[in-house]
Amino acid sequence: MRRRTTGEIPDGTEYHEEPLSSKDQTGRRMYAIVDQFYGDLRTATTDAGTPMSRLSMPAFFNFVKDIPYRRDEKPVEVLARPAHILKFARLGMDCKKKNSLMAAWCRAQNPPVPYRFIASSSRDDKRVHHVFCQAMIDGKWTTMDPTYAWYKPGEVKEVTHAEVLSE
């Protein structure tokens, strides 16, 4: 079993790694990272100098959606703070990282937009293989999944199984 490690990548970026053993642990870590580091979106800026947190929801959704998709290499699952996701976006990011960015945008708003993470499956055996963000918009939970370029805000998911991940 891998142990928890902390260190520094040669460019000075700090990292924290630990094995993710279950969807529940993954969900808890995603919420914790968003709550601890949502402020990264207040200091990260667009090419025009606008703080990421000040982008409209559709503009931020489209920005994240345009990050190339890249699955983590098995058996490793990686979670990262928003600043690191943005810094290395050109390498591609998976559903956990893209939806963590969306949740961080929700949390960085004033007042914060309530959000939650959903673990889901579209497989016949209902094995969870995807995580996405929902935000409370106009009094209802709205899917905000920027994982793939063809996804749209508010799109209804066709799944065989879905569950809210607990904090």
Protein backbone atom coordinates (compact mmCIF):
# COMPACT_ATOMS: atom_id res chain seq x y z
CA MET A 1 0.00 0.00 0.00
CA ARG A 2 1.26 3.47 -0.88
CA ARG A 3 1.79 5.92 1.91
CA ARG A 4 0.82 9.56 2.07
CA THR A 5 3.59 11.73 0.64
CA THR A 6 4.20 15.44 0.42
CA GLY A 7 6.92 17.14 -1.57
CA GLU A 8 7.83 19.63 -4.20
CA ILE A 9 7.95 19.30 -7.99
CA PRO A 10 11.13 20.85 -9.49
CA ASP A 11 9.25 24.01 -10.56
CA GLY A 12 8.43 24.72 -6.89
CA THR A 13 4.85 23.44 -6.97
CA GLU A 14 3.93 21.64 -3.77
CA TYR A 15 2.01 18.40 -4.02
CA HIS A 16 0.23 16.08 -1.65
CA GLU A 17 -0.49 12.49 -2.57
CA GLU A 18 -2.37 9.76 -0.78
CA PRO A 19 -4.10 6.62 -1.97
CA LEU A 20 -7.80 7.04 -2.71
CA SER A 21 -9.44 3.84 -1.62
CA SER A 22 -13.15 4.52 -2.06
CA LYS A 23 -15.67 6.89 -3.63
CA ASP A 24 -16.55 8.14 -0.12
CA GLN A 25 -12.93 9.02 0.65
CA THR A 26 -12.59 10.64 -2.78
CA GLY A 27 -15.73 12.73 -2.17
CA ARG A 28 -14.54 13.87 1.27
CA ARG A 29 -11.17 14.90 -0.15
CA MET A 30 -12.81 16.76 -3.07
CA TYR A 31 -14.99 18.78 -0.67
CA ALA A 32 -12.00 19.46 1.60
CA ILE A 33 -9.81 20.66 -1.27
CA VAL A 34 -12.55 22.96 -2.60
CA ASP A 35 -13.23 24.40 0.86
CA GLN A 36 -9.54 24.94 1.58
CA PHE A 37 -8.41 26.27 -1.80
CA TYR A 38 -11.40 27.95 -3.54
CA GLY A 39 -9.54 31.24 -3.07
CA ASP A 40 -7.15 30.14 -5.83
CA LEU A 41 -9.84 31.30 -8.27
CA ARG A 42 -9.72 34.80 -6.80
CA THR A 43 -6.01 35.13 -7.57
CA ALA A 44 -5.84 33.15 -10.84
CA THR A 45 -6.69 35.34 -13.82
CA THR A 46 -7.73 35.04 -17.43
CA ASP A 47 -5.38 36.25 -20.17
CA ALA A 48 -7.24 39.59 -19.93
CA GLY A 49 -6.46 39.84 -16.18
CA THR A 50 -9.97 39.06 -14.89
CA PRO A 51 -10.01 36.91 -11.73
CA MET A 52 -11.44 33.47 -12.59
CA SER A 53 -13.94 33.84 -9.74
CA ARG A 54 -15.45 36.89 -11.49
CA LEU A 55 -16.26 35.07 -14.71
CA SER A 56 -19.93 34.34 -15.27
CA MET A 57 -20.99 30.76 -14.65
CA PRO A 58 -21.38 30.03 -18.40
CA ALA A 59 -17.98 31.61 -19.18
CA PHE A 60 -16.22 29.64 -16.42
CA PHE A 61 -18.04 26.43 -17.39
CA ASN A 62 -16.87 26.85 -21.01
CA PHE A 63 -13.32 27.62 -19.88
CA VAL A 64 -13.17 24.38 -17.85
CA LYS A 65 -14.94 22.37 -20.54
CA ASP A 66 -12.22 23.43 -23.00
CA ILE A 67 -9.48 21.89 -20.85
CA PRO A 68 -8.58 18.64 -22.63
CA TYR A 69 -9.86 15.45 -20.99
CA ARG A 70 -7.25 13.04 -19.71
CA ARG A 71 -7.96 10.12 -17.42
CA ASP A 72 -5.66 9.43 -14.48
CA GLU A 73 -3.42 6.44 -15.09
CA LYS A 74 -4.61 3.40 -13.17
CA PRO A 75 -4.29 2.53 -10.36
CA VAL A 76 -3.56 6.15 -9.32
CA GLU A 77 -6.36 8.67 -8.74
CA VAL A 78 -5.20 12.27 -8.43
CA LEU A 79 -6.94 15.20 -6.75
CA ALA A 80 -5.49 18.70 -6.90
CA ARG A 81 -6.14 22.24 -5.72
CA PRO A 82 -7.52 24.68 -8.29
CA ALA A 83 -4.20 26.55 -8.75
CA HIS A 84 -2.44 23.32 -9.76
CA ILE A 85 -5.26 22.25 -12.07
CA LEU A 86 -5.10 25.61 -13.83
CA LYS A 87 -1.30 25.60 -13.99
CA PHE A 88 -1.19 22.17 -15.62
CA ALA A 89 -4.48 22.35 -17.56
CA ARG A 90 -2.72 21.95 -20.90
CA LEU A 91 -1.85 18.38 -19.87
CA GLY A 92 -5.55 17.48 -19.63
CA MET A 93 -7.69 16.76 -16.58
CA ASP A 94 -10.24 14.12 -15.60
CA CYS A 95 -13.78 14.49 -14.20
CA LYS A 96 -12.63 14.86 -10.58
CA LYS A 97 -10.34 17.76 -11.31
CA LYS A 98 -12.64 19.54 -13.79
CA ASN A 99 -15.63 19.26 -11.44
CA SER A 100 -13.51 20.37 -8.47
CA LEU A 101 -12.81 23.55 -10.45
CA MET A 102 -16.54 24.04 -11.05
CA ALA A 103 -17.26 23.54 -7.33
CA ALA A 104 -14.47 25.97 -6.40
CA TRP A 105 -16.09 28.59 -8.67
CA CYS A 106 -19.39 28.04 -6.81
CA ARG A 107 -17.67 28.37 -3.43
CA ALA A 108 -15.76 31.51 -4.50
CA GLN A 109 -18.94 33.46 -5.29
CA ASN A 110 -20.28 36.05 -2.85
CA PRO A 111 -22.50 34.68 -1.47
CA PRO A 112 -21.29 31.13 -2.18
CA VAL A 113 -23.43 29.03 -4.51
CA PRO A 114 -24.32 25.73 -2.78
CA TYR A 115 -22.78 22.77 -4.60
CA ARG A 116 -22.48 19.02 -4.25
CA PHE A 117 -20.66 16.16 -5.94
CA ILE A 118 -22.53 13.24 -7.52
CA ALA A 119 -20.93 9.83 -8.10
CA SER A 120 -22.57 8.12 -11.05
CA SER A 121 -22.59 5.21 -13.44
CA SER A 122 -23.98 4.65 -16.90
CA ARG A 123 -22.96 0.98 -16.80
CA ASP A 124 -25.41 -1.92 -16.53
CA ASP A 125 -23.62 -3.17 -13.38
CA LYS A 126 -24.01 0.33 -11.83
CA ARG A 127 -20.32 0.52 -10.87
CA VAL A 128 -19.46 4.18 -10.20
CA HIS A 129 -17.00 5.58 -12.75
CA HIS A 130 -17.80 9.29 -12.92
CA VAL A 131 -18.11 12.29 -10.58
CA PHE A 132 -19.82 15.55 -11.45
CA CYS A 133 -20.84 18.79 -9.76
CA GLN A 134 -24.33 20.12 -9.18
CA ALA A 135 -25.05 23.70 -8.12
CA MET A 136 -28.17 25.10 -6.50
CA ILE A 137 -29.53 27.48 -9.15
CA ASP A 138 -32.95 29.08 -8.84
CA GLY A 139 -33.82 26.73 -5.98
CA LYS A 140 -32.99 23.45 -7.73
CA TRP A 141 -29.93 21.24 -8.13
CA THR A 142 -28.53 21.80 -11.61
CA THR A 143 -25.85 19.64 -13.20
CA MET A 144 -22.68 21.59 -13.99
CA ASP A 145 -20.43 18.88 -15.49
CA PRO A 146 -17.65 20.35 -17.69
CA THR A 147 -15.89 17.00 -18.18
CA TYR A 148 -16.33 16.73 -21.95
CA ALA A 149 -16.43 19.39 -24.66
CA TRP A 150 -19.96 18.43 -25.72
CA TYR A 151 -21.51 18.73 -22.23
CA LYS A 152 -23.75 21.70 -21.45
CA PRO A 153 -24.74 23.39 -18.16
CA GLY A 154 -28.00 22.00 -16.80
CA GLU A 155 -27.86 18.90 -18.96
CA VAL A 156 -29.84 15.98 -17.52
CA LYS A 157 -27.64 12.90 -17.06
CA GLU A 158 -28.80 9.50 -18.28
CA VAL A 159 -27.39 7.20 -15.62
CA THR A 160 -28.06 3.77 -14.17
CA HIS A 161 -26.92 4.88 -10.71
CA ALA A 162 -26.25 8.23 -8.97
CA GLU A 163 -25.53 9.15 -5.37
CA VAL A 164 -24.60 12.35 -3.57
CA LEU A 165 -21.10 12.12 -2.13
CA SER A 166 -21.01 13.16 1.50
CA GLU A 167 -18.68 15.75 2.94
